Each structure stands twice: as C-alpha cells, then as structure tokens.
Amino acid sequence: MAAAAAGIEAPALGSGIGYRPQFRADLFENRARVDFLEIIADHYFDAPAEKLKELDLLRAHFPLVAHGLDLSIGSAEGIDPAYLDKFAQLVARIDPPWWSEHLCFTRAGGIDIGHLAALPYKQEAIDVVARNVETVRRRIKAPLVLENITTVVSVPGGEMDEPEFLTRTLDATGCGWLCDVANLYTNAVNHGVDLDASFERWPWHRLVQIHYAGGRWSGGVLIDSHDSATSEAVWALYDRIVARAPVKGVILERDERLPPFAELLDELARARATLTERGRWR
C-alpha cells in the first residue's frame, strides 16, 4: 500500500491556490506569497500546445498537484482506460507528490451523468472503490488522495454514516484524504449533522490535503459554490482540523466572482498562519 497508518509520506507544501488562468499575471507577480498550485487535471487532457506550455511554465515556478474531475473512482463498471491513460500522462509530465480525485461516481452504464454523484455508504461501494484504486495504481504510482464531496440528498440504503464510510474506504484502499472543509461544513448544515459530536470519528490519520472555499445560500440550502470569501464558520473548522492532524498542504478554491487577487492572497496568508502556528509549515 502507498500509505501507512500514519498517512501518506509526502512533503509539506504549505498554503496554495487552485490555479485559474484568469489570475495568471497576478499569480506570477506574487510568486513568493503562493507556496504551491493545484491544477484541474482535465483541463490539460488533449490540450493544445499553448495550454501545455502554460502547464510547463507553472511547473517551472511552483510545486504542482493535480486534481481530477471525472475518474469516477466509485463506478461499478470500473475505470475508463482512456481517461486513466490521459491522467497517467499528465502525472508523468508534472511529477506531483500526490494527486487527487473525488470519492464519488460520474459515470454509470457508459453514460457521463455530468456531476459528482454520492456513493451509498455500503461495504459493496467500498469494495468497488478498492478494486478501482488497484486498477489506477497499476498505471499511476504517485499517491492518490480522495476528496469528500457535498451531497444534496442522502443516498438510501446506507449501512453506515459518512465518517465510518470514508474511514473504511481509505483504510481499504491505502489512499490519503483530501479533506474539503467547506464540504464537511456544507453537508453538516444541510443534513443537520453535529460535527462536534462526530469530529474524532473522521479519518484524521489519513489526512494529506485540505480544500477550503466560500459558498452561498440559495432557497434555504447552503451551496458549495466557490464564489465568495471563506466564512468564519469554515475558518473555525479549518483551524480545528489543522490543530488535530499533520496536513501537508492546503488549497483555496475560487471559481466564480473572482475578487482582486490581493483578497485571495489574504486568505492564503490566513491559512498559512495557522499552518505555521501549528508547526505544519515553516
């Protein structure tokens, strides 16, 4: 297995941001204030030469990790070999210390369903993910970390709750955890989960990376929209997690309504200050 009980062996990368081309110029003007970047892997599959030049430029100036959208690690029909080949080529090109995907499925019956769909919290689903991870490992040797997603509804027929399902899945696969703090908080709010009561039941021994982001309310539901500043409630949960587990890197996600880059840098600095205070970063 790529991971031991204490988690994946990986370097500490610090406080970074999910790369978006809209702020490329600002990013390079502020290189010293951004420790690493997370790229969306799918944006570089079958990419034109100009896009690959951008990727090589980023790699020359920042440590990179890759984040996938459509591996569909929970698909009962298995992994799409063509998609996996593209991901393997990208990982070989950038040589990241780890790469990540969502713990979900995005394809079923050969159909792309167009969103991140939650798995049932059942042993059968854990077995499927474990088989698919073994398929992936035959092509990609870099450690894989899996991200918890938001869920609009709870999938019926579950045999366990999310902390147990995630823990058992990561232990069965040897994968690390990409803890999306905003997703944890969003699900807790929308489904009435007491995070204080369940906090110690999450797989902190597997934690490798953190995502954090801001969301918005719509029709009485909290949406993980990545279009606003991180809320104080998410920051409080972030601080508690960093104090609890030796995270290797944290990434700010912002996709819509991009503010002045200085505001994003302020969030990175706040995240980094907590890492430094807790001895997770220099």
C-alpha atoms as a PDB file:
ATOM      1  CA  MET A   1       0.000   0.000   0.000  1.00  0.00           C
ATOM      2  CA  ALA A   2       1.088   3.585  -0.643  1.00  0.00           C
ATOM      3  CA  ALA A   3       0.050   4.696   2.824  1.00  0.00           C
ATOM      4  CA  ALA A   4       0.694   3.535   6.343  1.00  0.00           C
ATOM      5  CA  ALA A   5      -1.398   4.010   9.468  1.00  0.00           C
ATOM      6  CA  ALA A   6       0.112   7.451   9.948  1.00  0.00           C
ATOM      7  CA  GLY A   7      -0.845   8.554   6.427  1.00  0.00           C
ATOM      8  CA  ILE A   8       0.911   9.072   3.117  1.00  0.00           C
ATOM      9  CA  GLU A   9       4.558  10.027   3.190  1.00  0.00           C
ATOM     10  CA  ALA A  10       4.704  13.343   1.356  1.00  0.00           C
ATOM     11  CA  PRO A  11       6.462  16.693   1.613  1.00  0.00           C
ATOM     12  CA  ALA A  12       4.793  19.664   3.246  1.00  0.00           C
ATOM     13  CA  LEU A  13       3.768  22.114   0.514  1.00  0.00           C
ATOM     14  CA  GLY A  14       2.216  24.912   2.555  1.00  0.00           C
ATOM     15  CA  SER A  15      -0.605  27.262   1.516  1.00  0.00           C
ATOM     16  CA  GLY A  16      -1.619  27.341  -2.127  1.00  0.00           C
ATOM     17  CA  ILE A  17      -4.452  28.033  -4.521  1.00  0.00           C
ATOM     18  CA  GLY A  18      -6.344  26.273  -7.253  1.00  0.00           C
ATOM     19  CA  TYR A  19      -4.932  27.677 -10.479  1.00  0.00           C
ATOM     20  CA  ARG A  20      -7.265  29.635 -12.756  1.00  0.00           C
ATOM     21  CA  PRO A  21      -5.977  31.280 -15.955  1.00  0.00           C
ATOM     22  CA  GLN A  22      -7.874  34.497 -15.151  1.00  0.00           C
ATOM     23  CA  PHE A  23      -5.331  35.427 -12.489  1.00  0.00           C
ATOM     24  CA  ARG A  24      -2.147  34.109 -14.102  1.00  0.00           C
ATOM     25  CA  ALA A  25      -0.471  37.543 -14.355  1.00  0.00           C
ATOM     26  CA  ASP A  26      -1.281  38.381 -10.714  1.00  0.00           C
ATOM     27  CA  LEU A  27      -0.039  34.974  -9.651  1.00  0.00           C
ATOM     28  CA  PHE A  28       3.368  35.445 -11.195  1.00  0.00           C
ATOM     29  CA  GLU A  29       3.659  38.932  -9.737  1.00  0.00           C
ATOM     30  CA  ASN A  30       3.129  37.399  -6.280  1.00  0.00           C
ATOM     31  CA  ARG A  31       5.053  34.111  -6.558  1.00  0.00           C
ATOM     32  CA  ALA A  32       6.631  34.492  -3.118  1.00  0.00           C
ATOM     33  CA  ARG A  33       3.180  34.567  -1.479  1.00  0.00           C
ATOM     34  CA  VAL A  34       1.869  31.340  -3.045  1.00  0.00           C
ATOM     35  CA  ASP A  35       3.529  28.112  -1.891  1.00  0.00           C
ATOM     36  CA  PHE A  36       2.072  25.704  -4.467  1.00  0.00           C
ATOM     37  CA  LEU A  37      -0.694  25.274  -7.035  1.00  0.00           C
ATOM     38  CA  GLU A  38      -3.394  22.734  -7.674  1.00  0.00           C
ATOM     39  CA  ILE A  39      -4.296  22.289 -11.339  1.00  0.00           C
ATOM     40  CA  ILE A  40      -7.517  20.799 -12.689  1.00  0.00           C
ATOM     41  CA  ALA A  41      -6.144  17.757 -14.492  1.00  0.00           C
ATOM     42  CA  ASP A  42      -8.953  17.550 -17.033  1.00  0.00           C
ATOM     43  CA  HIS A  43      -8.092  20.995 -18.400  1.00  0.00           C
ATOM     44  CA  TYR A  44      -4.816  19.585 -19.736  1.00  0.00           C
ATOM     45  CA  PHE A  45      -6.085  16.381 -21.347  1.00  0.00           C
ATOM     46  CA  ASP A  46      -5.787  16.516 -25.145  1.00  0.00           C
ATOM     47  CA  ALA A  47      -4.650  20.105 -24.683  1.00  0.00           C
ATOM     48  CA  PRO A  48      -3.213  22.260 -27.479  1.00  0.00           C
ATOM     49  CA  ALA A  49       0.462  23.171 -27.418  1.00  0.00           C
ATOM     50  CA  GLU A  50      -0.211  26.590 -25.889  1.00  0.00           C
ATOM     51  CA  LYS A  51      -2.032  25.031 -22.929  1.00  0.00           C
ATOM     52  CA  LEU A  52       0.799  22.567 -22.353  1.00  0.00           C
ATOM     53  CA  LYS A  53       3.278  25.451 -22.452  1.00  0.00           C
ATOM     54  CA  GLU A  54       1.237  27.066 -19.691  1.00  0.00           C
ATOM     55  CA  LEU A  55       1.478  23.862 -17.668  1.00  0.00           C
ATOM     56  CA  ASP A  56       5.253  23.690 -18.109  1.00  0.00           C
ATOM     57  CA  LEU A  57       5.537  27.346 -17.083  1.00  0.00           C
ATOM     58  CA  LEU A  58       3.568  26.705 -13.903  1.00  0.00           C
ATOM     59  CA  ARG A  59       5.677  23.664 -13.083  1.00  0.00           C
ATOM     60  CA  ALA A  60       8.883  25.666 -13.555  1.00  0.00           C
ATOM     61  CA  HIS A  61       7.844  28.149 -10.863  1.00  0.00           C
ATOM     62  CA  PHE A  62       5.574  26.294  -8.411  1.00  0.00           C
ATOM     63  CA  PRO A  63       5.178  22.822  -6.925  1.00  0.00           C
ATOM     64  CA  LEU A  64       2.070  21.310  -8.525  1.00  0.00           C
ATOM     65  CA  VAL A  65      -0.546  18.780  -7.537  1.00  0.00           C
ATOM     66  CA  ALA A  66      -3.251  17.546  -9.920  1.00  0.00           C
ATOM     67  CA  HIS A  67      -6.962  17.350  -9.112  1.00  0.00           C
ATOM     68  CA  GLY A  68      -9.283  15.239 -11.272  1.00  0.00           C
ATOM     69  CA  LEU A  69     -12.979  15.627 -12.022  1.00  0.00           C
ATOM     70  CA  ASP A  70     -14.067  12.543 -13.948  1.00  0.00           C
ATOM     71  CA  LEU A  71     -12.089   9.459 -12.920  1.00  0.00           C
ATOM     72  CA  SER A  72     -15.290   8.080 -11.388  1.00  0.00           C
ATOM     73  CA  ILE A  73     -13.459   6.038  -8.776  1.00  0.00           C
ATOM     74  CA  GLY A  74     -16.766   4.662  -7.475  1.00  0.00           C
ATOM     75  CA  SER A  75     -18.119   3.330 -10.780  1.00  0.00           C
ATOM     76  CA  ALA A  76     -19.186  -0.299 -10.514  1.00  0.00           C
ATOM     77  CA  GLU A  77     -18.284  -0.779 -14.201  1.00  0.00           C
ATOM     78  CA  GLY A  78     -14.659   0.109 -13.488  1.00  0.00           C
ATOM     79  CA  ILE A  79     -12.289   2.823 -14.648  1.00  0.00           C
ATOM     80  CA  ASP A  80     -12.372   4.214 -18.184  1.00  0.00           C
ATOM     81  CA  PRO A  81      -8.938   3.167 -19.542  1.00  0.00           C
ATOM     82  CA  ALA A  82      -8.713   6.091 -21.985  1.00  0.00           C
ATOM     83  CA  TYR A  83      -9.324   8.617 -19.218  1.00  0.00           C
ATOM     84  CA  LEU A  84      -6.839   6.850 -16.966  1.00  0.00           C
ATOM     85  CA  ASP A  85      -4.196   6.937 -19.700  1.00  0.00           C
ATOM     86  CA  LYS A  86      -4.615  10.704 -20.037  1.00  0.00           C
ATOM     87  CA  PHE A  87      -4.314  11.161 -16.286  1.00  0.00           C
ATOM     88  CA  ALA A  88      -1.225   8.948 -16.172  1.00  0.00           C
ATOM     89  CA  GLN A  89       0.432  11.004 -18.903  1.00  0.00           C
ATOM     90  CA  LEU A  90      -0.289  14.224 -17.033  1.00  0.00           C
ATOM     91  CA  VAL A  91       1.071  12.861 -13.740  1.00  0.00           C
ATOM     92  CA  ALA A  92       4.216  11.717 -15.531  1.00  0.00           C
ATOM     93  CA  ARG A  93       4.626  15.210 -17.009  1.00  0.00           C
ATOM     94  CA  ILE A  94       4.337  17.169 -13.746  1.00  0.00           C
ATOM     95  CA  ASP A  95       5.602  14.525 -11.260  1.00  0.00           C
ATOM     96  CA  PRO A  96       3.430  15.650  -8.306  1.00  0.00           C
ATOM     97  CA  PRO A  97       3.984  14.411  -4.724  1.00  0.00           C
ATOM     98  CA  TRP A  98       0.334  13.287  -4.793  1.00  0.00           C
ATOM     99  CA  TRP A  99      -2.772  13.691  -6.934  1.00  0.00           C
ATOM    100  CA  SER A 100      -6.438  13.699  -6.040  1.00  0.00           C
ATOM    101  CA  GLU A 101      -9.927  12.746  -7.119  1.00  0.00           C
ATOM    102  CA  HIS A 102     -13.418  12.845  -5.647  1.00  0.00           C
ATOM    103  CA  LEU A 103     -14.853   9.906  -3.761  1.00  0.00           C
ATOM    104  CA  CYS A 104     -17.904   9.548  -5.986  1.00  0.00           C
ATOM    105  CA  PHE A 105     -19.018   8.328  -9.382  1.00  0.00           C
ATOM    106  CA  THR A 106     -19.570  10.397 -12.517  1.00  0.00           C
ATOM    107  CA  ARG A 107     -20.408   7.632 -14.998  1.00  0.00           C
ATOM    108  CA  ALA A 108     -22.871   4.766 -14.939  1.00  0.00           C
ATOM    109  CA  GLY A 109     -23.883   2.360 -17.678  1.00  0.00           C
ATOM    110  CA  GLY A 110     -21.421   4.037 -20.028  1.00  0.00           C
ATOM    111  CA  ILE A 111     -23.165   7.403 -19.599  1.00  0.00           C
ATOM    112  CA  ASP A 112     -21.483  10.538 -18.243  1.00  0.00           C
ATOM    113  CA  ILE A 113     -24.012  11.861 -15.719  1.00  0.00           C
ATOM    114  CA  GLY A 114     -22.466  15.324 -15.570  1.00  0.00           C
ATOM    115  CA  HIS A 115     -21.954  15.754 -11.840  1.00  0.00           C
ATOM    116  CA  LEU A 116     -20.286  14.261  -8.776  1.00  0.00           C
ATOM    117  CA  ALA A 117     -22.731  11.642  -7.503  1.00  0.00           C
ATOM    118  CA  ALA A 118     -22.526  10.289  -3.969  1.00  0.00           C
ATOM    119  CA  LEU A 119     -21.882   6.627  -3.303  1.00  0.00           C
ATOM    120  CA  PRO A 120     -24.117   4.599  -0.995  1.00  0.00           C
ATOM    121  CA  TYR A 121     -22.456   4.149   2.377  1.00  0.00           C
ATOM    122  CA  LYS A 122     -22.221   0.374   1.999  1.00  0.00           C
ATOM    123  CA  GLN A 123     -19.477  -2.246   2.033  1.00  0.00           C
ATOM    124  CA  GLU A 124     -20.306  -3.054  -1.588  1.00  0.00           C
ATOM    125  CA  ALA A 125     -19.332   0.501  -2.576  1.00  0.00           C
ATOM    126  CA  ILE A 126     -16.096   0.260  -0.583  1.00  0.00           C
ATOM    127  CA  ASP A 127     -15.218  -2.938  -2.436  1.00  0.00           C
ATOM    128  CA  VAL A 128     -15.838  -1.223  -5.787  1.00  0.00           C
ATOM    129  CA  VAL A 129     -13.609   1.713  -4.889  1.00  0.00           C
ATOM    130  CA  ALA A 130     -10.857  -0.630  -3.683  1.00  0.00           C
ATOM    131  CA  ARG A 131     -10.901  -2.553  -6.981  1.00  0.00           C
ATOM    132  CA  ASN A 132     -10.787   0.652  -8.980  1.00  0.00           C
ATOM    133  CA  VAL A 133      -7.921   2.060  -6.909  1.00  0.00           C
ATOM    134  CA  GLU A 134      -5.895  -1.078  -7.647  1.00  0.00           C
ATOM    135  CA  THR A 135      -6.542  -0.561 -11.365  1.00  0.00           C
ATOM    136  CA  VAL A 136      -5.404   3.045 -11.075  1.00  0.00           C
ATOM    137  CA  ARG A 137      -2.254   2.116  -9.155  1.00  0.00           C
ATOM    138  CA  ARG A 138      -1.117  -0.145 -11.949  1.00  0.00           C
ATOM    139  CA  ARG A 139      -0.870   2.971 -14.157  1.00  0.00           C
ATOM    140  CA  ILE A 140      -0.064   5.769 -11.710  1.00  0.00           C
ATOM    141  CA  LYS A 141       2.457   5.232  -8.931  1.00  0.00           C
ATOM    142  CA  ALA A 142       2.136   8.657  -7.288  1.00  0.00           C
ATOM    143  CA  PRO A 143      -0.055   8.542  -4.159  1.00  0.00           C
ATOM    144  CA  LEU A 144      -3.781   9.068  -4.692  1.00  0.00           C
ATOM    145  CA  VAL A 145      -5.838  11.080  -2.195  1.00  0.00           C
ATOM    146  CA  LEU A 146      -9.636  11.062  -2.228  1.00  0.00           C
ATOM    147  CA  GLU A 147     -11.905  14.026  -1.507  1.00  0.00           C
ATOM    148  CA  ASN A 148     -15.189  14.035   0.390  1.00  0.00           C
ATOM    149  CA  ILE A 149     -17.971  15.648  -1.662  1.00  0.00           C
ATOM    150  CA  THR A 150     -21.145  17.591  -0.920  1.00  0.00           C
ATOM    151  CA  THR A 151     -24.416  15.698  -1.195  1.00  0.00           C
ATOM    152  CA  VAL A 152     -27.788  17.235  -1.990  1.00  0.00           C
ATOM    153  CA  VAL A 153     -29.634  14.191  -0.668  1.00  0.00           C
ATOM    154  CA  SER A 154     -28.600  11.186   1.383  1.00  0.00           C
ATOM    155  CA  VAL A 155     -28.417   8.003  -0.683  1.00  0.00           C
ATOM    156  CA  PRO A 156     -30.891   5.473   0.762  1.00  0.00           C
ATOM    157  CA  GLY A 157     -29.889   2.022   1.927  1.00  0.00           C
ATOM    158  CA  GLY A 158     -26.699   3.003   3.705  1.00  0.00           C
ATOM    159  CA  GLU A 159     -25.116   0.677   6.252  1.00  0.00           C
ATOM    160  CA  MET A 160     -23.015   3.350   7.986  1.00  0.00           C
ATOM    161  CA  ASP A 161     -22.592   7.095   8.255  1.00  0.00           C
ATOM    162  CA  GLU A 162     -20.119   9.207   6.262  1.00  0.00           C
ATOM    163  CA  PRO A 163     -17.241   9.245   8.786  1.00  0.00           C
ATOM    164  CA  GLU A 164     -17.282   5.452   9.018  1.00  0.00           C
ATOM    165  CA  PHE A 165     -17.667   5.021   5.260  1.00  0.00           C
ATOM    166  CA  LEU A 166     -14.793   7.371   4.497  1.00  0.00           C
ATOM    167  CA  THR A 167     -12.542   5.818   7.131  1.00  0.00           C
ATOM    168  CA  ARG A 168     -13.201   2.278   5.963  1.00  0.00           C
ATOM    169  CA  THR A 169     -12.743   3.258   2.306  1.00  0.00           C
ATOM    170  CA  LEU A 170      -9.402   4.964   2.896  1.00  0.00           C
ATOM    171  CA  ASP A 171      -8.169   2.124   5.082  1.00  0.00           C
ATOM    172  CA  ALA A 172      -9.245  -0.459   2.487  1.00  0.00           C
ATOM    173  CA  THR A 173      -7.512   1.370  -0.362  1.00  0.00           C
ATOM    174  CA  GLY A 174      -4.487   2.857   1.418  1.00  0.00           C
ATOM    175  CA  CYS A 175      -5.382   6.248  -0.051  1.00  0.00           C
ATOM    176  CA  GLY A 176      -4.889   9.538   1.714  1.00  0.00           C
ATOM    177  CA  TRP A 177      -7.663  12.027   2.402  1.00  0.00           C
ATOM    178  CA  LEU A 178      -8.258  15.371   0.769  1.00  0.00           C
ATOM    179  CA  CYS A 179     -10.484  16.930   3.403  1.00  0.00           C
ATOM    180  CA  ASP A 180     -12.690  19.570   1.828  1.00  0.00           C
ATOM    181  CA  VAL A 181     -13.538  21.610   4.909  1.00  0.00           C
ATOM    182  CA  ALA A 182     -16.225  23.584   3.099  1.00  0.00           C
ATOM    183  CA  ASN A 183     -17.871  20.321   2.018  1.00  0.00           C
ATOM    184  CA  LEU A 184     -17.811  18.979   5.580  1.00  0.00           C
ATOM    185  CA  TYR A 185     -19.427  22.160   6.839  1.00  0.00           C
ATOM    186  CA  THR A 186     -21.957  22.360   3.989  1.00  0.00           C
ATOM    187  CA  ASN A 187     -23.147  18.783   4.493  1.00  0.00           C
ATOM    188  CA  ALA A 188     -23.366  19.298   8.251  1.00  0.00           C
ATOM    189  CA  VAL A 189     -25.548  22.379   7.805  1.00  0.00           C
ATOM    190  CA  ASN A 190     -27.783  20.919   5.118  1.00  0.00           C
ATOM    191  CA  HIS A 191     -28.244  17.495   6.719  1.00  0.00           C
ATOM    192  CA  GLY A 192     -28.291  18.521  10.376  1.00  0.00           C
ATOM    193  CA  VAL A 193     -25.050  16.720  11.319  1.00  0.00           C
ATOM    194  CA  ASP A 194     -23.331  17.609  14.593  1.00  0.00           C
ATOM    195  CA  LEU A 195     -19.681  17.971  13.601  1.00  0.00           C
ATOM    196  CA  ASP A 196     -18.623  18.450  17.201  1.00  0.00           C
ATOM    197  CA  ALA A 197     -20.069  15.057  18.116  1.00  0.00           C
ATOM    198  CA  SER A 198     -18.541  13.267  15.109  1.00  0.00           C
ATOM    199  CA  PHE A 199     -15.232  15.137  14.874  1.00  0.00           C
ATOM    200  CA  GLU A 200     -12.984  12.423  16.289  1.00  0.00           C
ATOM    201  CA  ARG A 201     -14.573   9.770  14.081  1.00  0.00           C
ATOM    202  CA  TRP A 202     -13.223  11.234  10.830  1.00  0.00           C
ATOM    203  CA  PRO A 203     -10.034   9.631   9.408  1.00  0.00           C
ATOM    204  CA  TRP A 204      -7.517  12.240  10.527  1.00  0.00           C
ATOM    205  CA  HIS A 205      -4.764   9.600  10.341  1.00  0.00           C
ATOM    206  CA  ARG A 206      -5.218   9.715   6.552  1.00  0.00           C
ATOM    207  CA  LEU A 207      -5.240  13.494   6.095  1.00  0.00           C
ATOM    208  CA  VAL A 208      -2.917  14.785   3.356  1.00  0.00           C
ATOM    209  CA  GLN A 209      -4.522  17.900   1.889  1.00  0.00           C
ATOM    210  CA  ILE A 210      -7.263  20.412   2.659  1.00  0.00           C
ATOM    211  CA  HIS A 211      -9.590  22.395   0.409  1.00  0.00           C
ATOM    212  CA  TYR A 212     -11.384  25.457   1.727  1.00  0.00           C
ATOM    213  CA  ALA A 213     -13.760  27.842  -0.033  1.00  0.00           C
ATOM    214  CA  GLY A 214     -16.728  30.147   0.351  1.00  0.00           C
ATOM    215  CA  GLY A 215     -20.304  29.285  -0.554  1.00  0.00           C
ATOM    216  CA  ARG A 216     -23.716  30.926  -0.720  1.00  0.00           C
ATOM    217  CA  TRP A 217     -27.293  30.320   0.363  1.00  0.00           C
ATOM    218  CA  SER A 218     -29.997  29.508  -2.180  1.00  0.00           C
ATOM    219  CA  GLY A 219     -33.545  28.591  -1.244  1.00  0.00           C
ATOM    220  CA  GLY A 220     -32.556  27.771   2.324  1.00  0.00           C
ATOM    221  CA  VAL A 221     -29.758  25.428   1.190  1.00  0.00           C
ATOM    222  CA  LEU A 222     -26.041  26.139   1.575  1.00  0.00           C
ATOM    223  CA  ILE A 223     -24.310  25.709  -1.800  1.00  0.00           C
ATOM    224  CA  ASP A 224     -20.607  24.918  -2.144  1.00  0.00           C
ATOM    225  CA  SER A 225     -20.295  27.482  -4.933  1.00  0.00           C
ATOM    226  CA  HIS A 226     -16.645  28.593  -4.651  1.00  0.00           C
ATOM    227  CA  ASP A 227     -17.768  32.147  -5.399  1.00  0.00           C
ATOM    228  CA  SER A 228     -17.241  34.060  -2.166  1.00  0.00           C
ATOM    229  CA  ALA A 229     -14.791  34.536   0.660  1.00  0.00           C
ATOM    230  CA  THR A 230     -14.388  31.696   3.151  1.00  0.00           C
ATOM    231  CA  SER A 231     -16.860  32.054   6.007  1.00  0.00           C
ATOM    232  CA  GLU A 232     -15.810  32.373   9.634  1.00  0.00           C
ATOM    233  CA  ALA A 233     -17.540  29.061  10.388  1.00  0.00           C
ATOM    234  CA  VAL A 234     -15.390  27.272   7.781  1.00  0.00           C
ATOM    235  CA  TRP A 235     -12.272  29.045   9.073  1.00  0.00           C
ATOM    236  CA  ALA A 236     -13.038  27.843  12.601  1.00  0.00           C
ATOM    237  CA  LEU A 237     -13.364  24.258  11.362  1.00  0.00           C
ATOM    238  CA  TYR A 238     -10.171  24.643   9.316  1.00  0.00           C
ATOM    239  CA  ASP A 239      -8.240  25.825  12.382  1.00  0.00           C
ATOM    240  CA  ARG A 240      -9.523  22.891  14.416  1.00  0.00           C
ATOM    241  CA  ILE A 241      -8.512  20.380  11.726  1.00  0.00           C
ATOM    242  CA  VAL A 242      -5.009  21.800  11.263  1.00  0.00           C
ATOM    243  CA  ALA A 243      -4.530  21.599  15.029  1.00  0.00           C
ATOM    244  CA  ARG A 244      -5.709  17.981  15.001  1.00  0.00           C
ATOM    245  CA  ALA A 245      -3.784  16.434  12.073  1.00  0.00           C
ATOM    246  CA  PRO A 246      -0.466  16.997  10.252  1.00  0.00           C
ATOM    247  CA  VAL A 247      -1.840  18.203   6.896  1.00  0.00           C
ATOM    248  CA  LYS A 248       0.723  18.511   4.078  1.00  0.00           C
ATOM    249  CA  GLY A 249      -0.883  21.290   2.042  1.00  0.00           C
ATOM    250  CA  VAL A 250      -3.983  23.489   1.894  1.00  0.00           C
ATOM    251  CA  ILE A 251      -5.665  24.897  -1.207  1.00  0.00           C
ATOM    252  CA  LEU A 252      -8.065  27.804  -1.608  1.00  0.00           C
ATOM    253  CA  GLU A 253     -10.699  27.133  -4.265  1.00  0.00           C
ATOM    254  CA  ARG A 254     -12.282  30.086  -6.055  1.00  0.00           C
ATOM    255  CA  ASP A 255     -14.056  29.670  -9.389  1.00  0.00           C
ATOM    256  CA  GLU A 256     -16.627  32.428  -9.796  1.00  0.00           C
ATOM    257  CA  ARG A 257     -16.899  36.137  -8.974  1.00  0.00           C
ATOM    258  CA  LEU A 258     -13.130  36.417  -8.645  1.00  0.00           C
ATOM    259  CA  PRO A 259     -12.163  39.310  -6.353  1.00  0.00           C
ATOM    260  CA  PRO A 260      -8.988  41.398  -6.583  1.00  0.00           C
ATOM    261  CA  PHE A 261      -6.080  38.976  -6.250  1.00  0.00           C
ATOM    262  CA  ALA A 262      -4.991  40.704  -3.043  1.00  0.00           C
ATOM    263  CA  GLU A 263      -8.102  39.333  -1.337  1.00  0.00           C
ATOM    264  CA  LEU A 264      -7.178  35.794  -2.346  1.00  0.00           C
ATOM    265  CA  LEU A 265      -3.645  36.368  -1.056  1.00  0.00           C
ATOM    266  CA  ASP A 266      -5.114  37.466   2.274  1.00  0.00           C
ATOM    267  CA  GLU A 267      -6.930  34.127   2.546  1.00  0.00           C
ATOM    268  CA  LEU A 268      -3.750  32.232   1.673  1.00  0.00           C
ATOM    269  CA  ALA A 269      -1.861  34.183   4.334  1.00  0.00           C
ATOM    270  CA  ARG A 270      -4.512  33.410   6.937  1.00  0.00           C
ATOM    271  CA  ALA A 271      -4.388  29.711   6.082  1.00  0.00           C
ATOM    272  CA  ARG A 272      -0.579  29.745   6.179  1.00  0.00           C
ATOM    273  CA  ALA A 273      -0.515  31.463   9.572  1.00  0.00           C
ATOM    274  CA  THR A 274      -2.473  28.571  11.081  1.00  0.00           C
ATOM    275  CA  LEU A 275      -0.151  26.037   9.452  1.00  0.00           C
ATOM    276  CA  THR A 276       2.870  27.860  10.879  1.00  0.00           C
ATOM    277  CA  GLU A 277       1.342  28.239  14.316  1.00  0.00           C
ATOM    278  CA  ARG A 278       0.674  24.504  14.468  1.00  0.00           C
ATOM    279  CA  GLY A 279       4.095  23.504  13.135  1.00  0.00           C
ATOM    280  CA  ARG A 280       2.744  22.223   9.798  1.00  0.00           C
ATOM    281  CA  TRP A 281       4.779  24.740   7.786  1.00  0.00           C
ATOM    282  CA  ARG A 282       7.875  26.818   8.240  1.00  0.00           C
END
